[in-house]
Amino acid sequence: MASLKRLHAPLAWLDGRWQRNVLLTVDATGLWSEIAADQPAAPDAEKLAGPVIPSLVNAHSHAFQRAFVGMAERREAGQDDFWSWRDRMYALALRISPEQLRAVATQLYAELLRGGYTQVCEFHYLHHPAEGQAFEDELDMAWALVEAAQDAGIGLTLLPVVYTRSGFGAAGLRPDQHRFSASADWAWRACQRVLAAGVPRVNAGVALHSLRGASPEDITRLLQQVGSHDVPVHMHIAEQTAEVADCLAATGKRPLQWLAEAGHLDARWQLVHATHAEPAEIDAVAARGAGIVICPGTEANLGDGLPDLPRWLAAGVPLTVGSDSQVTRGWVEELRWMEYGQRLVLRQRNVASLPEQQPSSGARLFDAAVAGGAAAAGFAAWGLKAGARADFIVLNREADALRGLPDDTLLDAVVFGSNGSPWQSVWVAGRARPWRAPQRVGDAFEAAMRALWCAGGTPPT
């Protein structure tokens, strides 16, 4: 296969360590065909001006919630928690249109690129028309997300969500959840249509909202449809203590325990949050090869709690991160707070480090997120390795956070010492992406926000 281009980096993060004079070859399809260290800069190679690191997969996103960021940080009376936040968020979910979703998602996806993500897994449950709307295609909301990703230049893994009930034992959804309704057959059909469309840098998997939102019959039916297809299967699970209590009352088992003992889990599964897990549940997930997606920014914002990170890491469970509700939109902050939350609770430092193998906390978390991103997005490979898409980040050694530091401290400085994005450029499929979105993207986002919240829209209370 003919090469598209060759790149040369003075320093690159390969196989868990910094290596020098790295020649990176991109093939005509935008994949890495060869990566080799200790190579002279070939005459035809483009010289990259700074150290190169892999970009990350954002493994859990609700794009429409970007329009809700900053709208729920007040408490006028009573107690505020995840459930009251969710009810206020529905004010947005009940009226956003496909056109507004595209504007909001394009803005978000441009921000995610600046934040160092080059693939986003969209946990998509906003399926049907709002009151007063009509769709020509039942996937109009999904296509709005696909178009937004194409416009922003980010890769997209679309995950149509099965959502059939409002809680354990409920007969169906609440009236304010009518836009979410989707059976296993509907979600699988949507997945197949997105895959068949063949849009560049867009693939698809499936998702189940949660054990409270999808019945055991829904799960069985979806897995029958998926069969042996190698697509990712995502699910919210054990995010809230109330969910754990409800699951125990309904089934006699904790959520992760129930799912593991049902025999469904394998390496295609991505368990989102998995915040409240007992050691035996963690071991059961590890034995079945499933991964977890932790969203520290959102989990903090919603008061979810903290996962047992040391146990998950020790068990070798694949782990990555997501932006979820979009209160944070870069992986630096997610990894930082993954570690800082543990430090606050345990009153220890460098909880994630592994002295015998990887003493750097930043590097261990970063490597885990890179490795876990492949399965989460439905790829065979991710990062700086042959066969993976040629996505990467070029660090800026002149950034305040990185200036003058020894090479072996760079990742820790990025994660724990920077204010966000200390890089020069973000590349997708062998091409540098614009650092700033065009003015039209911001203008369309602002117009959508004004229509949603200022022109008849009711602010959440």
Protein backbone atom coordinates (compact mmCIF):
# COMPACT_ATOMS: atom_id res chain seq x y z
CA MET A 1 0.00 0.00 0.00
CA ALA A 2 1.41 3.38 -0.98
CA SER A 3 2.45 5.69 1.84
CA LEU A 4 0.65 8.98 2.23
CA LYS A 5 3.32 10.68 4.32
CA ARG A 6 6.17 10.21 6.71
CA LEU A 7 6.63 12.15 9.93
CA HIS A 8 9.63 12.46 12.23
CA ALA A 9 9.36 13.22 15.95
CA PRO A 10 12.32 14.15 18.18
CA LEU A 11 10.62 12.26 21.01
CA ALA A 12 7.57 9.99 21.17
CA TRP A 13 5.78 7.99 23.86
CA LEU A 14 6.06 4.39 22.66
CA ASP A 15 5.44 1.21 24.65
CA GLY A 16 5.23 3.04 27.97
CA ARG A 17 8.40 5.10 27.66
CA TRP A 18 9.92 8.04 25.80
CA GLN A 19 11.91 7.10 22.71
CA ARG A 20 13.98 9.36 20.48
CA ASN A 21 14.08 10.09 16.76
CA VAL A 22 10.87 8.30 15.87
CA LEU A 23 9.87 7.85 12.23
CA LEU A 24 6.11 7.48 11.78
CA THR A 25 4.68 6.35 8.46
CA VAL A 26 1.03 6.97 7.55
CA ASP A 27 -0.52 4.87 4.79
CA ALA A 28 -2.99 6.05 2.18
CA THR A 29 -5.96 5.14 4.38
CA GLY A 30 -4.82 7.24 7.35
CA LEU A 31 -3.48 4.32 9.43
CA TRP A 32 -0.02 3.83 10.85
CA SER A 33 1.90 1.44 8.62
CA GLU A 34 5.20 1.62 10.52
CA ILE A 35 6.61 3.29 13.63
CA ALA A 36 10.29 2.99 14.47
CA ALA A 37 12.56 4.71 17.00
CA ASP A 38 16.23 5.70 16.59
CA GLN A 39 15.74 6.62 12.95
CA PRO A 40 17.28 9.56 11.10
CA ALA A 41 14.91 12.14 9.70
CA ALA A 42 14.32 11.05 6.10
CA PRO A 43 14.50 13.84 3.49
CA ASP A 44 10.79 13.44 2.69
CA ALA A 45 9.65 13.30 6.33
CA GLU A 46 7.76 16.21 7.88
CA LYS A 47 9.59 17.21 11.06
CA LEU A 48 7.27 17.56 14.05
CA ALA A 49 8.30 20.38 16.38
CA GLY A 50 7.64 18.67 19.71
CA PRO A 51 7.22 15.37 21.56
CA VAL A 52 4.46 13.11 20.26
CA ILE A 53 1.93 11.24 22.40
CA PRO A 54 -1.19 9.25 21.46
CA SER A 55 -4.52 11.01 21.58
CA LEU A 56 -7.30 9.46 23.66
CA VAL A 57 -10.72 8.01 22.95
CA ASN A 58 -13.53 9.81 24.77
CA ALA A 59 -15.39 6.63 25.68
CA HIS A 60 -18.63 8.15 27.01
CA SER A 61 -20.43 11.24 25.74
CA HIS A 62 -23.96 12.66 25.75
CA ALA A 63 -23.42 15.46 23.22
CA PHE A 64 -26.76 17.21 23.76
CA GLN A 65 -25.86 17.83 27.42
CA ARG A 66 -23.22 20.34 26.29
CA ALA A 67 -26.19 22.73 26.08
CA PHE A 68 -26.88 22.13 29.79
CA VAL A 69 -23.40 22.88 31.14
CA GLY A 70 -23.58 25.64 33.75
CA MET A 71 -27.37 25.46 33.95
CA ALA A 72 -27.70 23.33 37.09
CA GLU A 73 -25.20 24.78 39.55
CA ARG A 74 -27.76 26.43 41.84
CA ARG A 75 -29.81 25.07 44.74
CA GLU A 76 -32.77 27.20 45.72
CA ALA A 77 -34.21 24.80 48.32
CA GLY A 78 -34.12 21.21 49.50
CA GLN A 79 -31.52 18.63 48.60
CA ASP A 80 -29.86 18.47 45.20
CA ASP A 81 -28.48 15.19 43.85
CA PHE A 82 -28.16 13.15 40.66
CA TRP A 83 -31.90 12.53 40.43
CA SER A 84 -32.92 16.18 40.77
CA TRP A 85 -30.21 17.12 38.23
CA ARG A 86 -31.63 14.51 35.85
CA ASP A 87 -35.16 15.91 36.10
CA ARG A 88 -33.86 19.41 35.27
CA MET A 89 -31.79 18.05 32.37
CA TYR A 90 -34.99 16.64 30.85
CA ALA A 91 -36.10 20.25 30.19
CA LEU A 92 -33.44 20.24 27.49
CA ALA A 93 -33.93 16.66 26.32
CA LEU A 94 -37.63 17.25 25.73
CA ARG A 95 -37.22 20.04 23.16
CA ILE A 96 -33.86 20.07 21.40
CA SER A 97 -34.25 19.64 17.62
CA PRO A 98 -31.94 17.83 15.18
CA GLU A 99 -30.67 21.16 13.86
CA GLN A 100 -29.93 22.41 17.38
CA LEU A 101 -28.31 19.10 18.29
CA ARG A 102 -26.01 19.36 15.30
CA ALA A 103 -24.97 22.89 16.30
CA VAL A 104 -24.38 21.90 19.92
CA ALA A 105 -22.53 18.70 19.00
CA THR A 106 -20.28 20.43 16.46
CA GLN A 107 -19.22 22.94 19.11
CA LEU A 108 -18.66 20.12 21.60
CA TYR A 109 -16.68 17.95 19.22
CA ALA A 110 -14.41 20.87 18.32
CA GLU A 111 -13.80 21.41 22.04
CA LEU A 112 -13.08 17.70 22.54
CA LEU A 113 -10.45 17.84 19.79
CA ARG A 114 -8.78 20.77 21.58
CA GLY A 115 -8.97 18.70 24.75
CA GLY A 116 -6.93 15.90 23.19
CA TYR A 117 -9.65 13.45 22.17
CA THR A 118 -9.79 12.31 18.53
CA GLN A 119 -12.58 9.70 18.81
CA VAL A 120 -15.81 10.06 20.76
CA CYS A 121 -18.19 7.28 21.77
CA GLU A 122 -21.64 8.82 21.66
CA PHE A 123 -24.06 7.10 24.06
CA HIS A 124 -27.08 8.19 22.08
CA TYR A 125 -30.58 7.85 23.54
CA LEU A 126 -32.26 11.03 22.27
CA HIS A 127 -33.99 9.18 19.43
CA HIS A 128 -37.48 10.47 18.68
CA PRO A 129 -39.16 13.78 17.84
CA ALA A 130 -40.08 16.21 20.58
CA GLU A 131 -43.63 17.46 20.81
CA GLY A 132 -44.41 19.50 17.71
CA GLN A 133 -41.54 18.01 15.70
CA ALA A 134 -41.57 15.41 12.94
CA PHE A 135 -38.70 13.41 11.47
CA GLU A 136 -38.41 12.24 7.87
CA ASP A 137 -35.99 9.54 9.05
CA GLU A 138 -36.16 7.83 12.43
CA LEU A 139 -32.39 8.41 12.71
CA ASP A 140 -32.50 12.17 12.17
CA MET A 141 -30.98 12.81 15.61
CA ALA A 142 -28.25 10.24 14.96
CA TRP A 143 -27.40 11.72 11.57
CA ALA A 144 -27.11 15.15 13.24
CA LEU A 145 -24.33 13.71 15.40
CA VAL A 146 -22.62 12.09 12.41
CA GLU A 147 -22.69 15.39 10.53
CA ALA A 148 -21.34 17.23 13.57
CA ALA A 149 -18.42 14.83 13.89
CA GLN A 150 -17.62 15.19 10.20
CA ASP A 151 -17.74 18.98 10.45
CA ALA A 152 -15.49 19.07 13.52
CA GLY A 153 -13.07 16.46 12.14
CA ILE A 154 -13.29 14.04 15.06
CA GLY A 155 -13.94 10.30 14.82
CA LEU A 156 -17.27 8.99 16.09
CA THR A 157 -18.49 5.69 17.50
CA LEU A 158 -22.28 5.98 17.59
CA LEU A 159 -23.99 3.83 20.22
CA PRO A 160 -27.79 3.69 19.83
CA VAL A 161 -29.21 2.98 23.29
CA VAL A 162 -31.86 0.45 24.30
CA TYR A 163 -34.18 2.20 26.78
CA THR A 164 -37.57 0.66 27.59
CA ARG A 165 -38.46 1.32 31.22
CA SER A 166 -38.10 3.98 33.89
CA GLY A 167 -36.93 1.65 36.66
CA PHE A 168 -36.83 -1.88 38.00
CA GLY A 169 -40.29 -3.38 37.67
CA ALA A 170 -41.71 -0.43 35.73
CA ALA A 171 -44.00 -1.22 32.81
CA GLY A 172 -42.46 1.41 30.55
CA LEU A 173 -40.97 4.88 30.43
CA ARG A 174 -42.20 8.05 32.11
CA PRO A 175 -43.95 10.65 29.93
CA ASP A 176 -40.87 12.89 30.13
CA GLN A 177 -38.74 10.05 28.75
CA HIS A 178 -40.73 9.45 25.57
CA ARG A 179 -37.91 10.61 23.29
CA PHE A 180 -35.66 7.84 24.63
CA SER A 181 -37.79 4.80 23.81
CA ALA A 182 -35.89 2.15 21.84
CA SER A 183 -36.13 -1.62 21.77
CA ALA A 184 -33.23 -3.98 21.15
CA ASP A 185 -34.41 -4.44 17.57
CA TRP A 186 -34.54 -0.67 17.01
CA ALA A 187 -31.04 -0.10 18.42
CA TRP A 188 -29.52 -2.91 16.35
CA ARG A 189 -31.20 -1.63 13.19
CA ALA A 190 -29.82 1.84 13.88
CA CYS A 191 -26.33 0.45 14.44
CA GLN A 192 -26.48 -1.47 11.16
CA ARG A 193 -27.65 1.57 9.21
CA VAL A 194 -24.84 3.73 10.54
CA LEU A 195 -22.25 1.08 9.69
CA ALA A 196 -23.73 0.60 6.22
CA ALA A 197 -23.51 4.34 5.50
CA GLY A 198 -19.72 4.07 5.31
CA VAL A 199 -19.05 7.60 6.56
CA PRO A 200 -15.31 8.24 7.02
CA ARG A 201 -14.10 7.89 10.63
CA VAL A 202 -17.59 6.85 11.79
CA ASN A 203 -18.40 3.41 13.18
CA ALA A 204 -21.09 2.09 15.52
CA GLY A 205 -21.89 -0.25 18.35
CA VAL A 206 -24.84 -0.63 20.70
CA ALA A 207 -25.71 0.31 24.25
CA LEU A 208 -28.16 -0.48 27.01
CA HIS A 209 -29.11 2.45 29.16
CA SER A 210 -28.78 0.60 32.48
CA LEU A 211 -30.21 -2.35 34.36
CA ARG A 212 -32.99 -0.08 35.55
CA GLY A 213 -33.65 1.19 32.00
CA ALA A 214 -33.47 -2.13 30.13
CA SER A 215 -35.00 -5.43 31.23
CA PRO A 216 -33.24 -8.81 31.26
CA GLU A 217 -35.28 -9.67 28.17
CA ASP A 218 -33.99 -6.54 26.42
CA ILE A 219 -30.40 -7.54 27.16
CA THR A 220 -30.92 -11.07 25.90
CA ARG A 221 -32.62 -9.87 22.74
CA LEU A 222 -29.91 -7.32 21.95
CA LEU A 223 -27.15 -9.89 22.37
CA GLN A 224 -29.04 -12.29 20.15
CA GLN A 225 -29.11 -9.61 17.47
CA VAL A 226 -25.44 -8.73 17.92
CA GLY A 227 -24.43 -12.38 17.83
CA SER A 228 -20.75 -12.74 17.01
CA HIS A 229 -20.40 -9.27 15.49
CA ASP A 230 -17.37 -7.53 16.97
CA VAL A 231 -19.04 -4.29 18.03
CA PRO A 232 -18.75 -2.53 21.39
CA VAL A 233 -21.59 -2.94 23.90
CA HIS A 234 -21.85 -0.13 26.48
CA MET A 235 -23.99 0.22 29.60
CA HIS A 236 -24.34 2.62 32.53
CA ILE A 237 -24.02 0.62 35.73
CA ALA A 238 -23.69 1.11 39.50
CA GLU A 239 -23.36 4.88 39.17
CA GLN A 240 -25.59 5.72 42.14
CA THR A 241 -26.11 4.04 45.51
CA ALA A 242 -29.88 4.30 44.96
CA GLU A 243 -29.48 2.21 41.81
CA VAL A 244 -27.58 -0.43 43.79
CA ALA A 245 -30.28 -0.49 46.45
CA ASP A 246 -33.06 -0.76 43.86
CA CYS A 247 -31.27 -3.58 42.08
CA LEU A 248 -30.80 -5.47 45.34
CA ALA A 249 -34.49 -5.04 46.16
CA ALA A 250 -35.60 -6.19 42.71
CA THR A 251 -33.15 -9.01 42.04
CA GLY A 252 -31.40 -9.84 45.30
CA LYS A 253 -28.09 -8.92 43.66
CA ARG A 254 -25.95 -5.84 43.13
CA PRO A 255 -25.88 -4.49 39.54
CA LEU A 256 -22.37 -5.65 38.60
CA GLN A 257 -22.96 -8.95 40.38
CA TRP A 258 -26.18 -9.52 38.46
CA LEU A 259 -24.60 -8.71 35.11
CA ALA A 260 -21.55 -10.88 35.70
CA GLU A 261 -23.57 -13.84 36.94
CA ALA A 262 -25.96 -13.56 33.99
CA GLY A 263 -23.06 -14.65 31.80
CA HIS A 264 -23.29 -11.80 29.30
CA LEU A 265 -19.95 -10.08 29.79
CA ASP A 266 -17.02 -10.38 27.41
CA ALA A 267 -14.33 -8.10 25.97
CA ARG A 268 -16.88 -6.16 23.90
CA TRP A 269 -18.58 -4.80 27.02
CA GLN A 270 -17.83 -1.35 28.44
CA LEU A 271 -19.27 -0.70 31.89
CA VAL A 272 -19.74 3.03 32.34
CA HIS A 273 -19.06 4.47 35.81
CA ALA A 274 -19.06 1.16 37.78
CA THR A 275 -18.64 3.46 40.76
CA HIS A 276 -20.08 1.28 43.50
CA ALA A 277 -18.40 -2.10 43.10
CA GLU A 278 -17.45 -4.72 45.66
CA PRO A 279 -14.10 -6.53 45.32
CA ALA A 280 -15.82 -9.73 44.18
CA GLU A 281 -17.63 -7.79 41.44
CA ILE A 282 -14.37 -6.26 40.24
CA ASP A 283 -12.78 -9.69 40.10
CA ALA A 284 -15.77 -11.05 38.16
CA VAL A 285 -15.52 -8.24 35.58
CA ALA A 286 -11.79 -8.87 35.24
CA ALA A 287 -12.33 -12.59 34.70
CA ARG A 288 -14.66 -11.89 31.79
CA GLY A 289 -12.45 -9.32 30.06
CA ALA A 290 -14.91 -6.42 30.11
CA GLY A 291 -13.71 -2.82 30.42
CA ILE A 292 -14.86 0.14 32.47
CA VAL A 293 -15.28 3.82 31.59
CA ILE A 294 -14.73 6.30 34.41
CA CYS A 295 -15.95 9.90 34.03
CA PRO A 296 -14.41 11.73 37.00
CA GLY A 297 -15.56 15.23 36.05
CA THR A 298 -19.20 14.25 35.68
CA GLU A 299 -19.13 11.83 38.60
CA ALA A 300 -17.89 14.66 40.82
CA ASN A 301 -20.38 17.15 39.41
CA LEU A 302 -23.30 14.78 40.02
CA GLY A 303 -22.13 13.58 43.43
CA ASP A 304 -21.89 9.96 42.31
CA GLY A 305 -19.00 8.88 44.51
CA LEU A 306 -15.55 7.46 43.83
CA PRO A 307 -14.64 4.11 42.29
CA ASP A 308 -12.18 1.73 43.92
CA LEU A 309 -9.45 2.74 41.48
CA PRO A 310 -6.61 0.79 43.14
CA ARG A 311 -8.65 -2.41 42.98
CA TRP A 312 -9.70 -1.89 39.36
CA LEU A 313 -6.09 -1.23 38.35
CA ALA A 314 -4.74 -4.18 40.34
CA ALA A 315 -7.30 -6.49 38.72
CA GLY A 316 -6.07 -5.49 35.25
CA VAL A 317 -9.50 -4.40 34.04
CA PRO A 318 -9.25 -2.29 30.84
CA LEU A 319 -10.02 1.30 31.80
CA THR A 320 -10.60 4.54 29.97
CA VAL A 321 -12.35 7.90 30.46
CA GLY A 322 -15.28 9.89 29.12
CA SER A 323 -16.67 13.42 29.20
CA ASP A 324 -20.27 12.24 29.85
CA SER A 325 -22.27 15.39 30.74
CA GLN A 326 -19.55 17.66 29.23
CA VAL A 327 -18.73 19.66 32.37
CA THR A 328 -15.14 18.77 31.47
CA ARG A 329 -14.07 18.42 27.85
CA GLY A 330 -10.44 17.35 27.95
CA TRP A 331 -8.72 14.19 29.16
CA VAL A 332 -6.13 16.04 31.25
CA GLU A 333 -8.72 17.01 33.83
CA GLU A 334 -10.32 13.55 33.82
CA LEU A 335 -7.02 11.79 34.54
CA ARG A 336 -6.02 14.41 37.12
CA TRP A 337 -9.23 13.98 39.07
CA MET A 338 -9.16 10.22 38.74
CA GLU A 339 -6.00 10.37 40.85
CA TYR A 340 -6.89 13.38 43.02
CA GLY A 341 -10.18 11.86 44.15
CA GLN A 342 -8.27 8.89 45.50
CA ARG A 343 -5.74 11.12 47.23
CA LEU A 344 -8.47 13.04 49.01
CA VAL A 345 -10.24 9.93 50.26
CA LEU A 346 -7.20 7.78 51.08
CA ARG A 347 -4.98 10.69 52.23
CA GLN A 348 -2.14 9.25 50.17
CA ARG A 349 -0.18 10.40 47.12
CA ASN A 350 0.53 8.70 43.79
CA VAL A 351 -2.18 6.13 44.32
CA ALA A 352 -2.18 5.04 40.67
CA SER A 353 1.57 4.52 40.40
CA LEU A 354 3.10 1.05 40.35
CA PRO A 355 6.66 1.42 41.72
CA GLU A 356 7.99 -1.88 40.38
CA GLN A 357 6.75 -1.23 36.83
CA GLN A 358 5.50 2.33 36.27
CA PRO A 359 6.26 4.75 39.13
CA SER A 360 4.69 7.68 37.25
CA SER A 361 1.03 8.16 38.20
CA GLY A 362 0.35 10.24 35.11
CA ALA A 363 1.96 7.72 32.78
CA ARG A 364 0.16 4.74 34.29
CA LEU A 365 -3.25 6.37 34.00
CA PHE A 366 -2.48 7.66 30.51
CA ASP A 367 -1.30 4.27 29.26
CA ALA A 368 -4.39 2.60 30.75
CA ALA A 369 -6.68 5.08 28.98
CA VAL A 370 -4.87 4.64 25.65
CA ALA A 371 -5.07 0.85 25.86
CA GLY A 372 -8.70 0.82 27.00
CA GLY A 373 -9.81 3.16 24.24
CA ALA A 374 -9.49 0.60 21.44
CA ALA A 375 -12.20 -1.78 22.64
CA ALA A 376 -14.41 1.08 23.85
CA ALA A 377 -14.49 2.56 20.33
CA GLY A 378 -14.68 -0.78 18.52
CA PHE A 379 -11.13 -0.78 17.14
CA ALA A 380 -8.56 -3.56 17.03
CA ALA A 381 -5.80 -1.08 17.88
CA TRP A 382 -5.35 2.44 19.19
CA GLY A 383 -2.33 4.63 19.82
CA LEU A 384 1.12 4.75 18.27
CA LYS A 385 1.21 1.28 16.75
CA ALA A 386 0.98 -0.19 13.28
CA GLY A 387 -2.61 -0.73 12.15
CA ALA A 388 -4.11 1.95 14.39
CA ARG A 389 -5.50 5.17 12.96
CA ALA A 390 -2.75 7.79 12.74
CA ASP A 391 -4.08 10.00 15.55
CA PHE A 392 -1.70 11.80 17.89
CA ILE A 393 -0.83 14.99 19.76
CA VAL A 394 2.29 17.13 19.44
CA LEU A 395 3.26 18.62 22.79
CA ASN A 396 4.47 22.20 23.12
CA ARG A 397 7.75 22.25 25.06
CA GLU A 398 7.41 26.05 25.27
CA ALA A 399 4.13 25.79 27.20
CA ASP A 400 4.49 27.08 30.75
CA ALA A 401 3.71 23.66 32.21
CA LEU A 402 6.43 21.87 30.19
CA ARG A 403 9.17 24.47 29.82
CA GLY A 404 12.59 23.28 31.05
CA LEU A 405 11.40 19.91 32.40
CA PRO A 406 13.31 16.64 31.99
CA ASP A 407 11.81 14.37 29.35
CA ASP A 408 10.80 11.66 31.78
CA THR A 409 8.52 14.05 33.71
CA LEU A 410 6.55 15.34 30.71
CA LEU A 411 3.44 13.16 31.09
CA ASP A 412 3.17 13.92 34.81
CA ALA A 413 3.52 17.61 34.02
CA VAL A 414 0.75 17.39 31.42
CA VAL A 415 -1.63 15.60 33.79
CA PHE A 416 -0.85 17.30 37.09
CA GLY A 417 0.83 20.58 36.20
CA SER A 418 -0.92 22.01 33.15
CA ASN A 419 -4.04 24.09 32.75
CA GLY A 420 -5.51 21.90 30.05
CA SER A 421 -4.01 21.49 26.60
CA PRO A 422 -0.23 22.10 26.50
CA TRP A 423 0.14 21.00 22.89
CA GLN A 424 0.86 22.48 19.51
CA SER A 425 -1.45 20.37 17.41
CA VAL A 426 -3.90 17.46 17.34
CA TRP A 427 -3.84 15.06 14.39
CA VAL A 428 -6.55 12.71 13.08
CA ALA A 429 -5.84 10.09 10.41
CA GLY A 430 -2.47 11.68 9.64
CA ARG A 431 -3.78 15.23 9.29
CA ALA A 432 -3.48 18.16 11.68
CA ARG A 433 -6.90 19.47 12.70
CA PRO A 434 -7.66 23.19 13.13
CA TRP A 435 -6.89 24.39 16.62
CA ARG A 436 -9.99 26.57 16.63
CA ALA A 437 -13.35 25.81 15.05
CA PRO A 438 -14.56 28.26 12.38
CA GLN A 439 -16.55 31.25 13.61
CA ARG A 440 -19.70 29.77 12.07
CA VAL A 441 -19.53 26.85 14.54
CA GLY A 442 -19.56 29.14 17.56
CA ASP A 443 -22.26 31.33 16.02
CA ALA A 444 -24.51 28.33 15.36
CA PHE A 445 -23.95 27.06 18.91
CA GLU A 446 -24.82 30.44 20.40
CA ALA A 447 -27.96 30.65 18.28
CA ALA A 448 -29.03 27.18 19.42
CA MET A 449 -28.41 28.08 23.06
CA ARG A 450 -30.43 31.28 22.78
CA ALA A 451 -33.30 29.41 21.15
CA LEU A 452 -33.25 26.71 23.82
CA TRP A 453 -32.92 28.91 26.89
CA CYS A 454 -33.81 32.49 26.00
CA ALA A 455 -36.56 32.31 23.38
CA GLY A 456 -39.31 30.56 25.25
CA GLY A 457 -37.08 27.97 26.85
CA THR A 458 -37.57 27.53 30.59
CA PRO A 459 -34.33 27.62 32.61
CA PRO A 460 -34.01 24.66 34.97
CA THR A 461 -34.98 25.28 38.59
